[in-house]
Amino acid sequence: MRDFAVSAHPMRGTKVLQGQRVPKRVKEKTSRPSFLLPGLLFLFIVSILCYVWTRIQVVQYGYEISSALRAKEAAVSAHNERTIEIATLRSAQQVEKRAREELRMNLPRKDQLVIIR
């Protein structure tokens, strides 16, 4: 059997047995900056900002809906008041009362009546 001596390779610091072939070019691991952590951090921050923005929009729309409902209730209340007022003003008693008090009108005398046949 053949004896192999162990020697250190001067370039890479690895041990090579005598009699073995050393590859001509060995790619050394270069340290490249990792974009994984900053990318994940960026995605996390963007997702947090989107979440906060949507929550703010929900609250804002809630305020707008509440304000619109209050305006609707006020409009319905005013409509109901006007409907009652119109019904009151159209009644025969109110028309007669207004004609007598504000316009100073009286019932016609018999000689002022004209009968049409």
N, C-alpha and C. Protein backbone atom coordinates (compact mmCIF):
# COMPACT_ATOMS: atom_id res chain seq x y z
N MET A 1 0.81 -1.17 0.00
CA MET A 1 0.00 0.00 0.00
C MET A 1 0.86 1.24 0.00
N ARG A 2 0.26 2.26 -0.48
CA ARG A 2 0.95 3.52 -0.56
C ARG A 2 0.67 4.37 0.66
N ASP A 3 1.63 5.08 1.15
CA ASP A 3 1.44 5.96 2.30
C ASP A 3 1.13 7.37 1.80
N PHE A 4 0.15 7.95 2.40
CA PHE A 4 -0.21 9.32 2.05
C PHE A 4 0.16 10.23 3.21
N ALA A 5 0.76 11.35 2.86
CA ALA A 5 1.11 12.33 3.88
C ALA A 5 0.08 13.46 3.83
N VAL A 6 -0.23 13.96 4.97
CA VAL A 6 -1.20 15.04 5.07
C VAL A 6 -0.44 16.35 5.13
N SER A 7 -0.84 17.31 4.24
CA SER A 7 -0.22 18.63 4.27
C SER A 7 -1.31 19.68 4.17
N ALA A 8 -1.00 20.81 4.66
CA ALA A 8 -1.98 21.90 4.63
C ALA A 8 -1.84 22.64 3.30
N HIS A 9 -2.96 22.98 2.70
CA HIS A 9 -2.95 23.75 1.45
C HIS A 9 -2.76 25.21 1.82
N PRO A 10 -1.81 25.89 1.16
CA PRO A 10 -1.49 27.25 1.57
C PRO A 10 -2.60 28.26 1.31
N MET A 11 -3.46 28.06 0.32
CA MET A 11 -4.45 29.07 -0.03
C MET A 11 -5.73 28.99 0.82
N ARG A 12 -6.22 27.79 1.04
CA ARG A 12 -7.52 27.66 1.67
C ARG A 12 -7.46 27.21 3.11
N GLY A 13 -6.37 26.79 3.56
CA GLY A 13 -6.27 26.34 4.94
C GLY A 13 -6.89 24.97 5.14
N THR A 14 -7.13 24.23 4.09
CA THR A 14 -7.68 22.88 4.22
C THR A 14 -6.58 21.87 4.02
N LYS A 15 -6.81 20.71 4.51
CA LYS A 15 -5.80 19.66 4.40
C LYS A 15 -6.03 18.85 3.14
N VAL A 16 -4.97 18.58 2.43
CA VAL A 16 -5.06 17.80 1.21
C VAL A 16 -4.12 16.62 1.33
N LEU A 17 -4.58 15.46 0.97
CA LEU A 17 -3.72 14.28 0.98
C LEU A 17 -2.84 14.31 -0.25
N GLN A 18 -1.58 13.89 -0.09
CA GLN A 18 -0.68 13.83 -1.24
C GLN A 18 -1.18 12.76 -2.19
N GLY A 19 -1.09 13.06 -3.43
CA GLY A 19 -1.55 12.12 -4.42
C GLY A 19 -2.96 12.43 -4.90
N GLN A 20 -3.65 13.35 -4.27
CA GLN A 20 -4.98 13.74 -4.73
C GLN A 20 -4.86 14.99 -5.59
N ARG A 21 -5.78 15.09 -6.46
CA ARG A 21 -5.80 16.22 -7.35
C ARG A 21 -6.53 17.39 -6.68
N VAL A 22 -5.95 18.58 -6.74
CA VAL A 22 -6.54 19.77 -6.16
C VAL A 22 -7.29 20.50 -7.27
N PRO A 23 -8.53 20.83 -7.04
CA PRO A 23 -9.26 21.55 -8.09
C PRO A 23 -8.61 22.89 -8.37
N LYS A 24 -8.66 23.30 -9.64
CA LYS A 24 -7.99 24.53 -10.04
C LYS A 24 -8.68 25.76 -9.43
N ARG A 25 -9.96 25.79 -9.55
CA ARG A 25 -10.69 26.94 -9.05
C ARG A 25 -11.73 26.49 -8.05
N VAL A 26 -11.65 27.00 -6.88
CA VAL A 26 -12.64 26.71 -5.86
C VAL A 26 -13.34 28.03 -5.54
N LYS A 27 -14.67 28.00 -5.67
CA LYS A 27 -15.43 29.21 -5.37
C LYS A 27 -15.52 29.36 -3.86
N GLU A 28 -15.02 30.47 -3.41
CA GLU A 28 -15.12 30.74 -1.99
C GLU A 28 -16.47 31.40 -1.72
N LYS A 29 -17.02 31.11 -0.59
CA LYS A 29 -18.30 31.67 -0.22
C LYS A 29 -18.10 33.15 0.11
N THR A 30 -18.74 33.99 -0.68
CA THR A 30 -18.62 35.42 -0.41
C THR A 30 -19.79 35.85 0.44
N SER A 31 -19.54 36.80 1.27
CA SER A 31 -20.63 37.27 2.13
C SER A 31 -21.39 38.37 1.37
N ARG A 32 -22.59 38.03 0.94
CA ARG A 32 -23.45 38.99 0.27
C ARG A 32 -24.45 39.52 1.30
N PRO A 33 -24.81 40.76 1.14
CA PRO A 33 -25.81 41.28 2.09
C PRO A 33 -27.13 40.55 1.90
N SER A 34 -27.74 40.18 2.98
CA SER A 34 -29.01 39.46 2.93
C SER A 34 -30.16 40.46 2.85
N PHE A 35 -31.00 40.28 1.86
CA PHE A 35 -32.15 41.15 1.70
C PHE A 35 -33.41 40.54 2.32
N LEU A 36 -33.27 39.38 2.89
CA LEU A 36 -34.44 38.71 3.46
C LEU A 36 -34.98 39.46 4.69
N LEU A 37 -34.11 39.75 5.63
CA LEU A 37 -34.56 40.43 6.85
C LEU A 37 -35.09 41.84 6.56
N PRO A 38 -34.36 42.67 5.80
CA PRO A 38 -34.93 44.00 5.50
C PRO A 38 -36.23 43.90 4.69
N GLY A 39 -36.32 42.92 3.79
CA GLY A 39 -37.54 42.74 3.01
C GLY A 39 -38.71 42.36 3.88
N LEU A 40 -38.49 41.43 4.81
CA LEU A 40 -39.55 41.04 5.73
C LEU A 40 -39.94 42.20 6.65
N LEU A 41 -38.96 42.95 7.09
CA LEU A 41 -39.23 44.11 7.93
C LEU A 41 -40.05 45.15 7.17
N PHE A 42 -39.69 45.38 5.91
CA PHE A 42 -40.44 46.31 5.07
C PHE A 42 -41.88 45.85 4.90
N LEU A 43 -42.09 44.58 4.59
CA LEU A 43 -43.44 44.04 4.43
C LEU A 43 -44.24 44.15 5.73
N PHE A 44 -43.59 43.91 6.85
CA PHE A 44 -44.26 44.02 8.14
C PHE A 44 -44.71 45.45 8.40
N ILE A 45 -43.83 46.41 8.14
CA ILE A 45 -44.16 47.82 8.36
C ILE A 45 -45.28 48.26 7.43
N VAL A 46 -45.22 47.85 6.16
CA VAL A 46 -46.26 48.21 5.20
C VAL A 46 -47.60 47.61 5.63
N SER A 47 -47.58 46.35 6.08
CA SER A 47 -48.84 45.73 6.50
C SER A 47 -49.41 46.43 7.74
N ILE A 48 -48.56 46.82 8.68
CA ILE A 48 -49.02 47.56 9.87
C ILE A 48 -49.63 48.90 9.45
N LEU A 49 -48.97 49.61 8.54
CA LEU A 49 -49.50 50.89 8.08
C LEU A 49 -50.83 50.72 7.37
N CYS A 50 -50.96 49.68 6.55
CA CYS A 50 -52.24 49.41 5.86
C CYS A 50 -53.34 49.11 6.88
N TYR A 51 -53.01 48.32 7.89
CA TYR A 51 -54.00 47.98 8.91
C TYR A 51 -54.46 49.23 9.65
N VAL A 52 -53.52 50.06 10.06
CA VAL A 52 -53.86 51.29 10.79
C VAL A 52 -54.69 52.21 9.91
N TRP A 53 -54.31 52.35 8.64
CA TRP A 53 -55.05 53.21 7.72
C TRP A 53 -56.49 52.73 7.56
N THR A 54 -56.68 51.41 7.42
CA THR A 54 -58.04 50.89 7.27
C THR A 54 -58.86 51.13 8.54
N ARG A 55 -58.27 50.98 9.70
CA ARG A 55 -59.00 51.22 10.94
C ARG A 55 -59.40 52.69 11.06
N ILE A 56 -58.50 53.60 10.67
CA ILE A 56 -58.81 55.03 10.69
C ILE A 56 -59.96 55.32 9.74
N GLN A 57 -59.94 54.71 8.55
CA GLN A 57 -61.02 54.91 7.58
C GLN A 57 -62.35 54.41 8.13
N VAL A 58 -62.34 53.26 8.81
CA VAL A 58 -63.56 52.71 9.39
C VAL A 58 -64.14 53.67 10.43
N VAL A 59 -63.28 54.22 11.28
CA VAL A 59 -63.75 55.17 12.30
C VAL A 59 -64.30 56.43 11.64
N GLN A 60 -63.60 56.93 10.62
CA GLN A 60 -64.05 58.13 9.93
C GLN A 60 -65.40 57.91 9.26
N TYR A 61 -65.56 56.77 8.59
CA TYR A 61 -66.85 56.47 7.96
C TYR A 61 -67.94 56.28 9.00
N GLY A 62 -67.59 55.76 10.16
CA GLY A 62 -68.57 55.62 11.24
C GLY A 62 -69.08 56.98 11.69
N TYR A 63 -68.16 57.95 11.83
CA TYR A 63 -68.57 59.31 12.19
C TYR A 63 -69.47 59.92 11.12
N GLU A 64 -69.11 59.70 9.85
CA GLU A 64 -69.92 60.26 8.76
C GLU A 64 -71.32 59.63 8.74
N ILE A 65 -71.40 58.33 8.97
CA ILE A 65 -72.70 57.66 9.00
C ILE A 65 -73.53 58.17 10.16
N SER A 66 -72.91 58.34 11.33
CA SER A 66 -73.62 58.86 12.50
C SER A 66 -74.16 60.26 12.23
N SER A 67 -73.35 61.10 11.63
CA SER A 67 -73.78 62.46 11.32
C SER A 67 -74.91 62.45 10.29
N ALA A 68 -74.83 61.58 9.29
CA ALA A 68 -75.90 61.48 8.29
C ALA A 68 -77.20 60.98 8.92
N LEU A 69 -77.10 60.05 9.85
CA LEU A 69 -78.31 59.56 10.52
C LEU A 69 -78.96 60.65 11.36
N ARG A 70 -78.14 61.47 12.04
CA ARG A 70 -78.70 62.58 12.81
C ARG A 70 -79.39 63.59 11.88
N ALA A 71 -78.77 63.87 10.74
CA ALA A 71 -79.39 64.80 9.78
C ALA A 71 -80.69 64.22 9.24
N LYS A 72 -80.72 62.92 9.00
CA LYS A 72 -81.95 62.27 8.51
C LYS A 72 -83.06 62.37 9.55
N GLU A 73 -82.72 62.10 10.82
CA GLU A 73 -83.72 62.20 11.88
C GLU A 73 -84.27 63.62 12.00
N ALA A 74 -83.40 64.61 11.87
CA ALA A 74 -83.86 66.00 11.93
C ALA A 74 -84.77 66.32 10.76
N ALA A 75 -84.43 65.83 9.57
CA ALA A 75 -85.26 66.08 8.39
C ALA A 75 -86.62 65.39 8.51
N VAL A 76 -86.62 64.16 9.03
CA VAL A 76 -87.90 63.44 9.22
C VAL A 76 -88.76 64.16 10.24
N SER A 77 -88.15 64.64 11.31
CA SER A 77 -88.90 65.37 12.34
C SER A 77 -89.50 66.66 11.77
N ALA A 78 -88.70 67.40 10.98
CA ALA A 78 -89.20 68.63 10.36
C ALA A 78 -90.32 68.31 9.38
N HIS A 79 -90.18 67.24 8.64
CA HIS A 79 -91.22 66.84 7.69
C HIS A 79 -92.53 66.53 8.42
N ASN A 80 -92.41 65.79 9.51
CA ASN A 80 -93.61 65.45 10.29
C ASN A 80 -94.29 66.69 10.84
N GLU A 81 -93.49 67.64 11.33
CA GLU A 81 -94.06 68.89 11.84
C GLU A 81 -94.79 69.66 10.74
N ARG A 82 -94.19 69.72 9.56
CA ARG A 82 -94.81 70.44 8.44
C ARG A 82 -96.08 69.74 7.97
N THR A 83 -96.08 68.41 7.99
CA THR A 83 -97.27 67.66 7.60
C THR A 83 -98.42 67.96 8.55
N ILE A 84 -98.13 67.99 9.84
CA ILE A 84 -99.16 68.31 10.84
C ILE A 84 -99.65 69.74 10.66
N GLU A 85 -98.72 70.66 10.41
CA GLU A 85 -99.08 72.06 10.21
C GLU A 85 -99.96 72.23 8.98
N ILE A 86 -99.64 71.54 7.89
CA ILE A 86 -100.45 71.63 6.67
C ILE A 86 -101.85 71.07 6.92
N ALA A 87 -101.91 69.92 7.61
CA ALA A 87 -103.21 69.33 7.91
C ALA A 87 -104.04 70.26 8.77
N THR A 88 -103.42 70.92 9.72
CA THR A 88 -104.13 71.85 10.59
C THR A 88 -104.63 73.06 9.81
N LEU A 89 -103.77 73.60 8.94
CA LEU A 89 -104.16 74.79 8.18
C LEU A 89 -105.24 74.49 7.15
N ARG A 90 -105.34 73.27 6.71
CA ARG A 90 -106.35 72.92 5.72
C ARG A 90 -107.72 72.62 6.35
N SER A 91 -107.78 72.47 7.64
CA SER A 91 -109.06 72.15 8.26
C SER A 91 -110.01 73.34 8.11
N ALA A 92 -111.29 73.06 7.99
CA ALA A 92 -112.31 74.11 7.77
C ALA A 92 -112.36 75.08 8.94
N GLN A 93 -112.20 74.59 10.14
CA GLN A 93 -112.25 75.47 11.31
C GLN A 93 -111.10 76.46 11.30
N GLN A 94 -109.92 75.99 10.93
CA GLN A 94 -108.77 76.89 10.90
C GLN A 94 -108.91 77.93 9.79
N VAL A 95 -109.42 77.49 8.65
CA VAL A 95 -109.60 78.44 7.54
C VAL A 95 -110.59 79.53 7.94
N GLU A 96 -111.69 79.14 8.57
CA GLU A 96 -112.70 80.12 9.00
C GLU A 96 -112.12 81.06 10.06
N LYS A 97 -111.40 80.50 11.02
CA LYS A 97 -110.81 81.32 12.08
C LYS A 97 -109.82 82.33 11.49
N ARG A 98 -109.02 81.89 10.58
CA ARG A 98 -108.03 82.79 9.97
C ARG A 98 -108.73 83.86 9.13
N ALA A 99 -109.76 83.47 8.42
CA ALA A 99 -110.49 84.45 7.60
C ALA A 99 -111.15 85.50 8.48
N ARG A 100 -111.70 85.13 9.58
CA ARG A 100 -112.37 86.09 10.47
C ARG A 100 -111.35 87.00 11.18
N GLU A 101 -110.27 86.40 11.72
CA GLU A 101 -109.34 87.18 12.55
C GLU A 101 -108.35 87.99 11.71
N GLU A 102 -107.71 87.35 10.75
CA GLU A 102 -106.65 88.05 10.01
C GLU A 102 -107.20 88.87 8.85
N LEU A 103 -108.18 88.32 8.14
CA LEU A 103 -108.71 89.01 6.96
C LEU A 103 -109.99 89.78 7.25
N ARG A 104 -110.52 89.67 8.46
CA ARG A 104 -111.73 90.38 8.89
C ARG A 104 -112.92 90.10 7.97
N MET A 105 -113.10 88.85 7.67
CA MET A 105 -114.22 88.44 6.82
C MET A 105 -115.35 87.94 7.71
N ASN A 106 -116.59 88.11 7.22
CA ASN A 106 -117.78 87.63 7.93
C ASN A 106 -118.60 86.78 6.96
N LEU A 107 -119.59 86.10 7.54
CA LEU A 107 -120.50 85.33 6.70
C LEU A 107 -121.32 86.31 5.85
N PRO A 108 -121.66 85.94 4.63
CA PRO A 108 -122.43 86.86 3.78
C PRO A 108 -123.88 87.02 4.28
N ARG A 109 -124.44 88.22 4.05
CA ARG A 109 -125.85 88.45 4.39
C ARG A 109 -126.70 87.83 3.29
N LYS A 110 -128.00 87.72 3.56
CA LYS A 110 -128.90 87.08 2.60
C LYS A 110 -128.96 87.83 1.29
N ASP A 111 -128.87 89.14 1.33
CA ASP A 111 -128.95 89.91 0.09
C ASP A 111 -127.65 89.82 -0.72
N GLN A 112 -126.59 89.30 -0.11
CA GLN A 112 -125.32 89.16 -0.84
C GLN A 112 -125.19 87.77 -1.49
N LEU A 113 -126.12 86.89 -1.21
CA LEU A 113 -126.08 85.55 -1.78
C LEU A 113 -126.64 85.56 -3.20
N VAL A 114 -126.00 84.87 -4.08
CA VAL A 114 -126.47 84.69 -5.45
C VAL A 114 -126.58 83.21 -5.68
N ILE A 115 -127.78 82.77 -6.01
CA ILE A 115 -127.98 81.33 -6.23
C ILE A 115 -127.93 81.08 -7.72
N ILE A 116 -127.12 80.16 -8.11
CA ILE A 116 -126.94 79.80 -9.51
C ILE A 116 -127.53 78.43 -9.73
N ARG A 117 -128.43 78.35 -10.80
CA ARG A 117 -129.06 77.07 -11.07
C ARG A 117 -128.72 76.58 -12.41
